[in-house]
C-alpha atoms as a PDB file:
ATOM      1  CA  MET A   1      56.490 -12.204-176.991  1.00  0.00           C
ATOM      2  CA  THR A   2      52.907 -11.352-176.518  1.00  0.00           C
ATOM      3  CA  ALA A   3      50.883 -11.603-173.161  1.00  0.00           C
ATOM      4  CA  LYS A   4      48.858 -14.281-174.469  1.00  0.00           C
ATOM      5  CA  ILE A   5      51.840 -16.443-175.290  1.00  0.00           C
ATOM      6  CA  LYS A   6      53.265 -15.899-171.855  1.00  0.00           C
ATOM      7  CA  LEU A   7      50.075 -16.669-170.319  1.00  0.00           C
ATOM      8  CA  ILE A   8      50.060 -19.770-172.164  1.00  0.00           C
ATOM      9  CA  LEU A   9      53.605 -20.840-171.511  1.00  0.00           C
ATOM     10  CA  GLY A  10      53.176 -19.959-167.954  1.00  0.00           C
ATOM     11  CA  GLY A  11      50.255 -22.268-167.697  1.00  0.00           C
ATOM     12  CA  LEU A  12      51.876 -25.225-169.127  1.00  0.00           C
ATOM     13  CA  LEU A  13      54.806 -24.764-166.799  1.00  0.00           C
ATOM     14  CA  LEU A  14      52.367 -24.541-164.006  1.00  0.00           C
ATOM     15  CA  LEU A  15      50.579 -27.760-165.116  1.00  0.00           C
ATOM     16  CA  LEU A  16      53.966 -29.735-165.690  1.00  0.00           C
ATOM     17  CA  GLY A  17      55.170 -28.532-162.029  1.00  0.00           C
ATOM     18  CA  VAL A  18      51.774 -29.788-160.526  1.00  0.00           C
ATOM     19  CA  ILE A  19      51.956 -33.223-162.477  1.00  0.00           C
ATOM     20  CA  PHE A  20      55.438 -33.398-161.476  1.00  0.00           C
ATOM     21  CA  ALA A  21      54.606 -32.831-157.532  1.00  0.00           C
ATOM     22  CA  VAL A  22      51.448 -35.154-157.626  1.00  0.00           C
ATOM     23  CA  GLN A  23      53.620 -38.238-158.695  1.00  0.00           C
ATOM     24  CA  ASN A  24      56.435 -37.403-156.051  1.00  0.00           C
ATOM     25  CA  ALA A  25      54.040 -37.513-153.125  1.00  0.00           C
ATOM     26  CA  ALA A  26      56.091 -39.827-150.946  1.00  0.00           C
ATOM     27  CA  VAL A  27      56.594 -38.293-147.402  1.00  0.00           C
ATOM     28  CA  VAL A  28      60.437 -37.397-146.897  1.00  0.00           C
ATOM     29  CA  GLU A  29      62.425 -36.225-143.950  1.00  0.00           C
ATOM     30  CA  VAL A  30      63.924 -32.473-144.804  1.00  0.00           C
ATOM     31  CA  LYS A  31      67.019 -31.412-142.735  1.00  0.00           C
ATOM     32  CA  PHE A  32      67.889 -27.746-142.431  1.00  0.00           C
ATOM     33  CA  ILE A  33      70.818 -26.618-139.941  1.00  0.00           C
ATOM     34  CA  VAL A  34      69.243 -28.001-136.705  1.00  0.00           C
ATOM     35  CA  TRP A  35      65.625 -28.414-137.699  1.00  0.00           C
ATOM     36  CA  SER A  36      64.261 -31.743-139.072  1.00  0.00           C
ATOM     37  CA  LEU A  37      60.759 -31.898-140.646  1.00  0.00           C
ATOM     38  CA  THR A  38      58.628 -34.959-142.183  1.00  0.00           C
ATOM     39  CA  ILE A  39      56.838 -33.538-144.950  1.00  0.00           C
ATOM     40  CA  SER A  40      55.345 -34.501-148.199  1.00  0.00           C
ATOM     41  CA  GLN A  41      57.786 -34.478-151.060  1.00  0.00           C
ATOM     42  CA  ALA A  42      54.988 -32.712-153.375  1.00  0.00           C
ATOM     43  CA  LEU A  43      54.661 -29.707-150.727  1.00  0.00           C
ATOM     44  CA  VAL A  44      58.509 -29.441-150.701  1.00  0.00           C
ATOM     45  CA  ILE A  45      58.506 -29.367-154.419  1.00  0.00           C
ATOM     46  CA  PHE A  46      55.737 -26.792-154.273  1.00  0.00           C
ATOM     47  CA  LEU A  47      57.122 -24.508-151.721  1.00  0.00           C
ATOM     48  CA  THR A  48      60.582 -24.502-153.437  1.00  0.00           C
ATOM     49  CA  SER A  49      59.141 -23.725-156.675  1.00  0.00           C
ATOM     50  CA  ALA A  50      57.093 -20.726-155.164  1.00  0.00           C
ATOM     51  CA  THR A  51      60.136 -19.467-153.390  1.00  0.00           C
ATOM     52  CA  GLY A  52      61.835 -19.348-156.875  1.00  0.00           C
ATOM     53  CA  ILE A  53      59.060 -17.829-158.622  1.00  0.00           C
ATOM     54  CA  ILE A  54      58.692 -14.947-155.895  1.00  0.00           C
ATOM     55  CA  ALA A  55      62.583 -14.529-155.943  1.00  0.00           C
ATOM     56  CA  GLY A  56      62.547 -14.289-159.682  1.00  0.00           C
ATOM     57  CA  PHE A  57      59.647 -11.671-159.706  1.00  0.00           C
ATOM     58  CA  PHE A  58      61.444  -9.510-157.086  1.00  0.00           C
ATOM     59  CA  LEU A  59      64.720  -9.702-158.706  1.00  0.00           C
ATOM     60  CA  GLY A  60      63.042  -9.060-162.053  1.00  0.00           C
ATOM     61  CA  THR A  61      61.613  -5.914-160.619  1.00  0.00           C
ATOM     62  CA  ALA A  62      64.384  -4.634-158.847  1.00  0.00           C
ATOM     63  CA  PHE A  63      66.190  -5.156-162.317  1.00  0.00           C
ATOM     64  CA  LYS A  64      63.640  -3.122-164.443  1.00  0.00           C
ATOM     65  CA  ILE A  65      63.636  -0.403-161.911  1.00  0.00           C
ATOM     66  CA  SER A  66      67.533   0.000-161.614  1.00  0.00           C
ATOM     67  CA  ARG A  67      67.541   0.102-165.643  1.00  0.00           C
ATOM     68  CA  GLN A  68      65.014   2.959-165.482  1.00  0.00           C
ATOM     69  CA  ASP A  69      67.311   5.316-163.469  1.00  0.00           C
END
């Protein structure tokens, strides 16, 4: 794929993610191990998406580096 197509697809996915998050703006309680946090569902969606994107970037970069050796 060319860089332009990747950029357009990435922008569309980002737009869909923003629309989904805004439509789910209710306040929810998030529990993790012993912590409990009341936060906007849109923020939870954004943070988990951002975490996935960052993890994918680092794993993809590590995979490319390992294939070059």
